[in-house]
Amino acid sequence: MIKFFTMLLLALGLIWCIYFLILGAVMPEKTEYANNMSELIVAVFTVISIIFAFVEFLRRNNDKK
């Protein structure tokens, strides 16, 4: 379940980043905004992925004991 949720969030982040990439290409005055939003999305989803990976690591360690 956690893996599915993580993959769904990462796919959503990819879609958002592509949207902001297109926004920056189509509207040059919005380039800095689009870049900042893309960086924010990547940072947030990176943290979420690390948290899910840590939870999975703890869960597997408990299964081995």
C-alpha atoms as a PDB file:
ATOM      1  CA  MET A   1       0.000   0.000   0.000  1.00  0.00           C
ATOM      2  CA  ILE A   2       2.808   2.420   0.887  1.00  0.00           C
ATOM      3  CA  LYS A   3       4.619   1.676  -2.363  1.00  0.00           C
ATOM      4  CA  PHE A   4       1.489   2.426  -4.386  1.00  0.00           C
ATOM      5  CA  PHE A   5       0.933   5.697  -2.525  1.00  0.00           C
ATOM      6  CA  THR A   6       4.566   6.701  -3.018  1.00  0.00           C
ATOM      7  CA  MET A   7       4.455   5.935  -6.729  1.00  0.00           C
ATOM      8  CA  LEU A   8       1.208   7.889  -7.059  1.00  0.00           C
ATOM      9  CA  LEU A   9       2.732  10.927  -5.344  1.00  0.00           C
ATOM     10  CA  LEU A  10       5.868  10.760  -7.472  1.00  0.00           C
ATOM     11  CA  ALA A  11       3.789  10.497 -10.659  1.00  0.00           C
ATOM     12  CA  LEU A  12       1.762  13.511  -9.561  1.00  0.00           C
ATOM     13  CA  GLY A  13       4.973  15.431  -8.899  1.00  0.00           C
ATOM     14  CA  LEU A  14       6.266  14.534 -12.352  1.00  0.00           C
ATOM     15  CA  ILE A  15       3.062  15.807 -13.951  1.00  0.00           C
ATOM     16  CA  TRP A  16       3.286  19.064 -11.982  1.00  0.00           C
ATOM     17  CA  CYS A  17       6.928  19.564 -12.957  1.00  0.00           C
ATOM     18  CA  ILE A  18       6.106  18.989 -16.620  1.00  0.00           C
ATOM     19  CA  TYR A  19       3.262  21.519 -16.318  1.00  0.00           C
ATOM     20  CA  PHE A  20       5.589  24.142 -14.850  1.00  0.00           C
ATOM     21  CA  LEU A  21       8.213  23.366 -17.505  1.00  0.00           C
ATOM     22  CA  ILE A  22       5.637  24.016 -20.226  1.00  0.00           C
ATOM     23  CA  LEU A  23       4.410  27.131 -18.392  1.00  0.00           C
ATOM     24  CA  GLY A  24       7.941  28.533 -18.305  1.00  0.00           C
ATOM     25  CA  ALA A  25       8.437  27.791 -22.012  1.00  0.00           C
ATOM     26  CA  VAL A  26       5.113  29.258 -23.126  1.00  0.00           C
ATOM     27  CA  MET A  27       5.117  32.331 -20.873  1.00  0.00           C
ATOM     28  CA  PRO A  28       8.701  33.628 -20.503  1.00  0.00           C
ATOM     29  CA  GLU A  29       7.648  36.155 -17.830  1.00  0.00           C
ATOM     30  CA  LYS A  30       6.610  33.215 -15.616  1.00  0.00           C
ATOM     31  CA  THR A  31       9.900  31.336 -16.001  1.00  0.00           C
ATOM     32  CA  GLU A  32      11.259  32.144 -12.543  1.00  0.00           C
ATOM     33  CA  TYR A  33       7.922  31.293 -10.901  1.00  0.00           C
ATOM     34  CA  ALA A  34       7.751  27.987 -12.785  1.00  0.00           C
ATOM     35  CA  ASN A  35      11.338  27.147 -11.839  1.00  0.00           C
ATOM     36  CA  ASN A  36      10.742  27.913  -8.163  1.00  0.00           C
ATOM     37  CA  MET A  37       7.560  25.841  -8.084  1.00  0.00           C
ATOM     38  CA  SER A  38       9.278  22.898  -9.778  1.00  0.00           C
ATOM     39  CA  GLU A  39      12.113  23.027  -7.247  1.00  0.00           C
ATOM     40  CA  LEU A  40       9.606  23.161  -4.393  1.00  0.00           C
ATOM     41  CA  ILE A  41       7.678  20.169  -5.740  1.00  0.00           C
ATOM     42  CA  VAL A  42      10.848  18.122  -6.187  1.00  0.00           C
ATOM     43  CA  ALA A  43      12.030  18.992  -2.681  1.00  0.00           C
ATOM     44  CA  VAL A  44       8.709  18.082  -1.056  1.00  0.00           C
ATOM     45  CA  PHE A  45       8.400  14.787  -2.894  1.00  0.00           C
ATOM     46  CA  THR A  46      12.014  13.926  -2.141  1.00  0.00           C
ATOM     47  CA  VAL A  47      11.330  14.333   1.567  1.00  0.00           C
ATOM     48  CA  ILE A  48       8.143  12.269   1.279  1.00  0.00           C
ATOM     49  CA  SER A  49      10.032   9.505  -0.559  1.00  0.00           C
ATOM     50  CA  ILE A  50      12.742   9.449   2.096  1.00  0.00           C
ATOM     51  CA  ILE A  51      10.120   9.187   4.852  1.00  0.00           C
ATOM     52  CA  PHE A  52       8.373   6.304   3.087  1.00  0.00           C
ATOM     53  CA  ALA A  53      11.695   4.550   2.489  1.00  0.00           C
ATOM     54  CA  PHE A  54      12.569   4.911   6.179  1.00  0.00           C
ATOM     55  CA  VAL A  55       9.182   3.500   7.218  1.00  0.00           C
ATOM     56  CA  GLU A  56       9.687   0.561   4.846  1.00  0.00           C
ATOM     57  CA  PHE A  57      13.180   0.000   6.283  1.00  0.00           C
ATOM     58  CA  LEU A  58      11.800  -0.073   9.829  1.00  0.00           C
ATOM     59  CA  ARG A  59       9.000  -2.405   8.820  1.00  0.00           C
ATOM     60  CA  ARG A  60      11.417  -4.861   7.184  1.00  0.00           C
ATOM     61  CA  ASN A  61      13.725  -4.764  10.202  1.00  0.00           C
ATOM     62  CA  ASN A  62      10.814  -5.698  12.448  1.00  0.00           C
ATOM     63  CA  ASP A  63       9.869  -8.576  10.125  1.00  0.00           C
ATOM     64  CA  LYS A  64      13.383 -10.074  10.377  1.00  0.00           C
ATOM     65  CA  LYS A  65      13.288 -10.227  14.171  1.00  0.00           C
END
